[in-house]
Amino acid sequence: MKFDRFSRREFLAMGAGAAGASLVTKNILLDPEPAWAFQGPVSPSDRVRFGMIGVGMQGSGLLASSIELPGVECVAAADLYDGRHTLA
């Protein structure tokens, strides 16, 4: 079985191409306010309702950041420990 290997020159050319492509698309992908984001009021049928199981350290941070989004509502939370459940 023959393995095709890249030469150093080909490897560097491919790496430079990938780095250049990532720099070009940086403004498109990492734009802080995308053009498609809608900031108006959300109708009740367009709301995202979710529930969480396990509201620990990561879950409470995720819950806090997700309920700040417009049209997102946490309808249920469950945890083994009562302290974390009441925190949610």
Protein backbone atom coordinates (compact mmCIF):
# COMPACT_ATOMS: atom_id res chain seq x y z
CA MET A 1 0.00 0.00 0.00
CA LYS A 2 1.47 3.32 -1.05
CA PHE A 3 0.98 6.43 1.06
CA ASP A 4 1.03 9.80 -0.64
CA ARG A 5 2.89 12.22 1.57
CA PHE A 6 2.97 15.97 1.34
CA SER A 7 6.24 17.73 0.83
CA ARG A 8 7.05 20.54 3.24
CA ARG A 9 6.37 23.07 0.54
CA GLU A 10 2.91 21.63 -0.17
CA PHE A 11 2.14 21.45 3.55
CA LEU A 12 3.11 25.09 4.09
CA ALA A 13 1.13 26.18 1.03
CA MET A 14 -1.99 24.40 2.28
CA GLY A 15 -1.53 25.81 5.79
CA ALA A 16 -1.07 29.33 4.47
CA GLY A 17 -4.16 28.95 2.31
CA ALA A 18 -6.23 27.77 5.25
CA ALA A 19 -4.96 30.62 7.43
CA GLY A 20 -5.74 33.15 4.72
CA ALA A 21 -9.23 31.75 4.25
CA SER A 22 -9.89 31.97 7.98
CA LEU A 23 -8.79 35.60 8.04
CA VAL A 24 -11.04 36.46 5.12
CA THR A 25 -14.10 34.82 6.68
CA LYS A 26 -13.39 36.17 10.18
CA ASN A 27 -15.62 39.20 9.75
CA ILE A 28 -18.44 37.12 8.33
CA LEU A 29 -18.43 34.38 10.96
CA LEU A 30 -17.51 36.38 14.06
CA ASP A 31 -19.60 39.48 13.44
CA PRO A 32 -20.95 40.54 16.85
CA GLU A 33 -24.31 41.50 15.36
CA PRO A 34 -25.24 39.29 12.42
CA ALA A 35 -27.40 40.73 9.68
CA TRP A 36 -29.98 37.96 10.06
CA ALA A 37 -30.57 38.58 13.79
CA PHE A 38 -34.09 39.88 14.42
CA GLN A 39 -34.44 42.10 17.48
CA GLY A 40 -38.20 42.76 17.37
CA PRO A 41 -40.93 41.29 19.56
CA VAL A 42 -41.43 37.55 19.39
CA SER A 43 -44.88 36.01 19.02
CA PRO A 44 -45.82 33.23 21.47
CA SER A 45 -45.69 30.61 18.72
CA ASP A 46 -42.08 31.57 17.94
CA ARG A 47 -40.77 31.13 21.47
CA VAL A 48 -38.24 28.48 22.38
CA ARG A 49 -39.23 26.66 25.55
CA PHE A 50 -36.76 24.27 27.13
CA GLY A 51 -36.14 22.30 30.29
CA MET A 52 -32.90 21.46 32.05
CA ILE A 53 -31.79 18.36 33.91
CA GLY A 54 -28.86 19.00 36.22
CA VAL A 55 -28.49 22.65 37.11
CA GLY A 56 -24.91 22.63 38.37
CA MET A 57 -22.18 25.20 37.86
CA GLN A 58 -22.19 24.95 34.08
CA GLY A 59 -25.95 24.50 33.89
CA SER A 60 -26.68 27.62 35.94
CA GLY A 61 -24.41 29.69 33.71
CA LEU A 62 -26.06 28.28 30.61
CA LEU A 63 -29.49 28.94 32.08
CA ALA A 64 -28.63 32.54 32.97
CA SER A 65 -27.26 33.32 29.52
CA SER A 66 -30.06 31.57 27.63
CA ILE A 67 -32.99 33.23 29.39
CA GLU A 68 -31.56 36.65 28.52
CA LEU A 69 -32.18 35.92 24.83
CA PRO A 70 -35.43 37.23 23.38
CA GLY A 71 -38.03 34.53 22.85
CA VAL A 72 -36.35 31.94 25.09
CA GLU A 73 -38.09 30.58 28.18
CA CYS A 74 -37.05 27.88 30.65
CA VAL A 75 -40.20 25.98 31.62
CA ALA A 76 -38.71 23.23 33.80
CA ALA A 77 -35.57 22.50 35.78
CA ALA A 78 -34.58 19.37 37.67
CA ASP A 79 -31.65 18.56 39.89
CA LEU A 80 -30.87 15.98 42.52
CA TYR A 81 -29.92 18.66 45.05
CA ASP A 82 -32.65 21.04 46.28
CA GLY A 83 -30.27 23.99 46.55
CA ARG A 84 -29.45 23.92 42.87
CA HIS A 85 -33.07 23.37 41.91
CA THR A 86 -34.20 26.46 43.83
CA LEU A 87 -31.29 28.39 42.30
CA ALA A 88 -32.74 27.73 38.85
